[in-house]
Amino acid sequence: MLRTIVMGSCISVQGILERTLPDGRLVVRVGQTLFTGLPVLGRG
């Protein structure tokens, strides 16, 4: 599943969801690199 996360105040990363951490952060994969950050909540 493709997910977008925010790292810091102005950097966002979109990648394949790898896992959810106990504190609510997500780990996403872009190529061979893993990024960790807070999920971007969609409007609904």
PDB file of N, CA and C in Angstrom:
ATOM      1  N   MET A   1       0.848  -1.160   0.000  1.00  0.00           N
ATOM      2  CA  MET A   1       0.000   0.000   0.000  1.00  0.00           C
ATOM      3  C   MET A   1       0.905   1.237   0.000  1.00  0.00           C
ATOM      4  N   LEU A   2       0.615   2.189  -0.848  1.00  0.00           N
ATOM      5  CA  LEU A   2       1.363   3.425  -0.941  1.00  0.00           C
ATOM      6  C   LEU A   2       0.924   4.379   0.164  1.00  0.00           C
ATOM      7  N   ARG A   3       1.872   4.912   0.934  1.00  0.00           N
ATOM      8  CA  ARG A   3       1.562   5.826   2.040  1.00  0.00           C
ATOM      9  C   ARG A   3       2.496   7.022   1.988  1.00  0.00           C
ATOM     10  N   THR A   4       2.033   8.136   2.532  1.00  0.00           N
ATOM     11  CA  THR A   4       2.831   9.354   2.629  1.00  0.00           C
ATOM     12  C   THR A   4       3.092   9.642   4.099  1.00  0.00           C
ATOM     13  N   ILE A   5       4.347   9.961   4.403  1.00  0.00           N
ATOM     14  CA  ILE A   5       4.724  10.316   5.767  1.00  0.00           C
ATOM     15  C   ILE A   5       5.379  11.690   5.766  1.00  0.00           C
ATOM     16  N   VAL A   6       5.415  12.312   6.941  1.00  0.00           N
ATOM     17  CA  VAL A   6       6.092  13.591   7.122  1.00  0.00           C
ATOM     18  C   VAL A   6       7.287  13.369   8.032  1.00  0.00           C
ATOM     19  N   MET A   7       8.434  13.860   7.588  1.00  0.00           N
ATOM     20  CA  MET A   7       9.666  13.787   8.375  1.00  0.00           C
ATOM     21  C   MET A   7      10.065  15.223   8.680  1.00  0.00           C
ATOM     22  N   GLY A   8       9.978  15.612   9.924  1.00  0.00           N
ATOM     23  CA  GLY A   8      10.290  16.990  10.276  1.00  0.00           C
ATOM     24  C   GLY A   8       9.136  17.907   9.928  1.00  0.00           C
ATOM     25  N   SER A   9       9.425  19.172   9.678  1.00  0.00           N
ATOM     26  CA  SER A   9       8.359  20.141   9.451  1.00  0.00           C
ATOM     27  C   SER A   9       7.991  20.323   7.982  1.00  0.00           C
ATOM     28  N   CYS A  10       8.890  19.981   7.062  1.00  0.00           N
ATOM     29  CA  CYS A  10       8.559  20.279   5.661  1.00  0.00           C
ATOM     30  C   CYS A  10       9.050  19.230   4.663  1.00  0.00           C
ATOM     31  N   ILE A  11       9.384  18.041   5.113  1.00  0.00           N
ATOM     32  CA  ILE A  11       9.816  16.981   4.211  1.00  0.00           C
ATOM     33  C   ILE A  11       8.794  15.860   4.262  1.00  0.00           C
ATOM     34  N   SER A  12       8.249  15.513   3.096  1.00  0.00           N
ATOM     35  CA  SER A  12       7.327  14.380   3.024  1.00  0.00           C
ATOM     36  C   SER A  12       7.901  13.335   2.078  1.00  0.00           C
ATOM     37  N   VAL A  13       7.579  12.087   2.364  1.00  0.00           N
ATOM     38  CA  VAL A  13       8.071  10.954   1.580  1.00  0.00           C
ATOM     39  C   VAL A  13       6.892  10.052   1.267  1.00  0.00           C
ATOM     40  N   GLN A  14       6.813   9.583   0.025  1.00  0.00           N
ATOM     41  CA  GLN A  14       5.760   8.651  -0.363  1.00  0.00           C
ATOM     42  C   GLN A  14       6.415   7.349  -0.793  1.00  0.00           C
ATOM     43  N   GLY A  15       5.944   6.242  -0.197  1.00  0.00           N
ATOM     44  CA  GLY A  15       6.537   4.953  -0.511  1.00  0.00           C
ATOM     45  C   GLY A  15       5.628   3.812  -0.087  1.00  0.00           C
ATOM     46  N   ILE A  16       6.151   2.611  -0.234  1.00  0.00           N
ATOM     47  CA  ILE A  16       5.410   1.399   0.097  1.00  0.00           C
ATOM     48  C   ILE A  16       5.477   1.181   1.609  1.00  0.00           C
ATOM     49  N   LEU A  17       4.321   0.975   2.235  1.00  0.00           N
ATOM     50  CA  LEU A  17       4.256   0.760   3.679  1.00  0.00           C
ATOM     51  C   LEU A  17       4.944  -0.544   4.046  1.00  0.00           C
ATOM     52  N   GLU A  18       5.918  -0.455   4.950  1.00  0.00           N
ATOM     53  CA  GLU A  18       6.627  -1.633   5.455  1.00  0.00           C
ATOM     54  C   GLU A  18       6.031  -2.103   6.772  1.00  0.00           C
ATOM     55  N   ARG A  19       5.855  -1.169   7.717  1.00  0.00           N
ATOM     56  CA  ARG A  19       5.302  -1.534   9.029  1.00  0.00           C
ATOM     57  C   ARG A  19       4.866  -0.280   9.774  1.00  0.00           C
ATOM     58  N   THR A  20       4.060  -0.502  10.806  1.00  0.00           N
ATOM     59  CA  THR A  20       3.635   0.557  11.721  1.00  0.00           C
ATOM     60  C   THR A  20       4.319   0.326  13.057  1.00  0.00           C
ATOM     61  N   LEU A  21       4.910   1.364  13.598  1.00  0.00           N
ATOM     62  CA  LEU A  21       5.606   1.258  14.880  1.00  0.00           C
ATOM     63  C   LEU A  21       4.624   1.475  16.027  1.00  0.00           C
ATOM     64  N   PRO A  22       4.951   0.997  17.233  1.00  0.00           N
ATOM     65  CA  PRO A  22       4.033   1.121  18.380  1.00  0.00           C
ATOM     66  C   PRO A  22       3.656   2.559  18.729  1.00  0.00           C
ATOM     67  N   ASP A  23       4.515   3.523  18.388  1.00  0.00           N
ATOM     68  CA  ASP A  23       4.222   4.925  18.706  1.00  0.00           C
ATOM     69  C   ASP A  23       3.405   5.633  17.624  1.00  0.00           C
ATOM     70  N   GLY A  24       2.964   4.893  16.598  1.00  0.00           N
ATOM     71  CA  GLY A  24       2.111   5.467  15.560  1.00  0.00           C
ATOM     72  C   GLY A  24       2.838   5.898  14.305  1.00  0.00           C
ATOM     73  N   ARG A  25       4.164   5.906  14.344  1.00  0.00           N
ATOM     74  CA  ARG A  25       4.916   6.264  13.140  1.00  0.00           C
ATOM     75  C   ARG A  25       4.865   5.119  12.136  1.00  0.00           C
ATOM     76  N   LEU A  26       5.092   5.455  10.863  1.00  0.00           N
ATOM     77  CA  LEU A  26       5.110   4.464   9.798  1.00  0.00           C
ATOM     78  C   LEU A  26       6.515   4.350   9.218  1.00  0.00           C
ATOM     79  N   VAL A  27       6.835   3.167   8.729  1.00  0.00           N
ATOM     80  CA  VAL A  27       8.077   2.943   8.001  1.00  0.00           C
ATOM     81  C   VAL A  27       7.691   2.651   6.556  1.00  0.00           C
ATOM     82  N   VAL A  28       8.219   3.454   5.615  1.00  0.00           N
ATOM     83  CA  VAL A  28       7.934   3.249   4.196  1.00  0.00           C
ATOM     84  C   VAL A  28       9.232   2.999   3.453  1.00  0.00           C
ATOM     85  N   ARG A  29       9.130   2.264   2.354  1.00  0.00           N
ATOM     86  CA  ARG A  29      10.288   1.918   1.530  1.00  0.00           C
ATOM     87  C   ARG A  29      10.221   2.659   0.205  1.00  0.00           C
ATOM     88  N   VAL A  30      11.343   3.292  -0.147  1.00  0.00           N
ATOM     89  CA  VAL A  30      11.504   3.908  -1.461  1.00  0.00           C
ATOM     90  C   VAL A  30      12.758   3.286  -2.052  1.00  0.00           C
ATOM     91  N   GLY A  31      12.579   2.402  -3.013  1.00  0.00           N
ATOM     92  CA  GLY A  31      13.714   1.637  -3.531  1.00  0.00           C
ATOM     93  C   GLY A  31      14.241   0.730  -2.435  1.00  0.00           C
ATOM     94  N   GLN A  32      15.514   0.888  -2.083  1.00  0.00           N
ATOM     95  CA  GLN A  32      16.120   0.086  -1.010  1.00  0.00           C
ATOM     96  C   GLN A  32      16.221   0.852   0.304  1.00  0.00           C
ATOM     97  N   THR A  33      15.711   2.083   0.340  1.00  0.00           N
ATOM     98  CA  THR A  33      15.847   2.939   1.516  1.00  0.00           C
ATOM     99  C   THR A  33      14.565   2.964   2.327  1.00  0.00           C
ATOM    100  N   LEU A  34      14.700   2.862   3.654  1.00  0.00           N
ATOM    101  CA  LEU A  34      13.561   2.935   4.566  1.00  0.00           C
ATOM    102  C   LEU A  34      13.525   4.312   5.226  1.00  0.00           C
ATOM    103  N   PHE A  35      12.311   4.876   5.325  1.00  0.00           N
ATOM    104  CA  PHE A  35      12.101   6.171   5.969  1.00  0.00           C
ATOM    105  C   PHE A  35      11.052   5.994   7.056  1.00  0.00           C
ATOM    106  N   THR A  36      11.227   6.714   8.164  1.00  0.00           N
ATOM    107  CA  THR A  36      10.285   6.654   9.275  1.00  0.00           C
ATOM    108  C   THR A  36       9.742   8.052   9.532  1.00  0.00           C
ATOM    109  N   GLY A  37       8.413   8.142   9.714  1.00  0.00           N
ATOM    110  CA  GLY A  37       7.808   9.433  10.018  1.00  0.00           C
ATOM    111  C   GLY A  37       6.357   9.276  10.384  1.00  0.00           C
ATOM    112  N   LEU A  38       5.724  10.408  10.612  1.00  0.00           N
ATOM    113  CA  LEU A  38       4.299  10.422  10.972  1.00  0.00           C
ATOM    114  C   LEU A  38       3.425  10.351   9.730  1.00  0.00           C
ATOM    115  N   PRO A  39       2.330   9.618   9.789  1.00  0.00           N
ATOM    116  CA  PRO A  39       1.462   9.513   8.607  1.00  0.00           C
ATOM    117  C   PRO A  39       0.766  10.829   8.300  1.00  0.00           C
ATOM    118  N   VAL A  40       0.559  11.077   7.014  1.00  0.00           N
ATOM    119  CA  VAL A  40      -0.236  12.226   6.567  1.00  0.00           C
ATOM    120  C   VAL A  40      -1.685  11.751   6.546  1.00  0.00           C
ATOM    121  N   LEU A  41      -2.523  12.415   7.306  1.00  0.00           N
ATOM    122  CA  LEU A  41      -3.927  12.016   7.396  1.00  0.00           C
ATOM    123  C   LEU A  41      -4.704  12.635   6.237  1.00  0.00           C
ATOM    124  N   GLY A  42      -5.472  11.792   5.548  1.00  0.00           N
ATOM    125  CA  GLY A  42      -6.280  12.269   4.434  1.00  0.00           C
ATOM    126  C   GLY A  42      -7.522  12.993   4.895  1.00  0.00           C
ATOM    127  N   ARG A  43      -8.041  13.809   4.043  1.00  0.00           N
ATOM    128  CA  ARG A  43      -9.301  14.499   4.339  1.00  0.00           C
ATOM    129  C   ARG A  43     -10.435  13.566   4.005  1.00  0.00           C
ATOM    130  N   GLY A  44     -11.458  13.614   4.796  1.00  0.00           N
ATOM    131  CA  GLY A  44     -12.508  12.673   4.498  1.00  0.00           C
ATOM    132  C   GLY A  44     -13.833  13.173   4.869  1.00  0.00           C
TER     133      GLY A  44
END
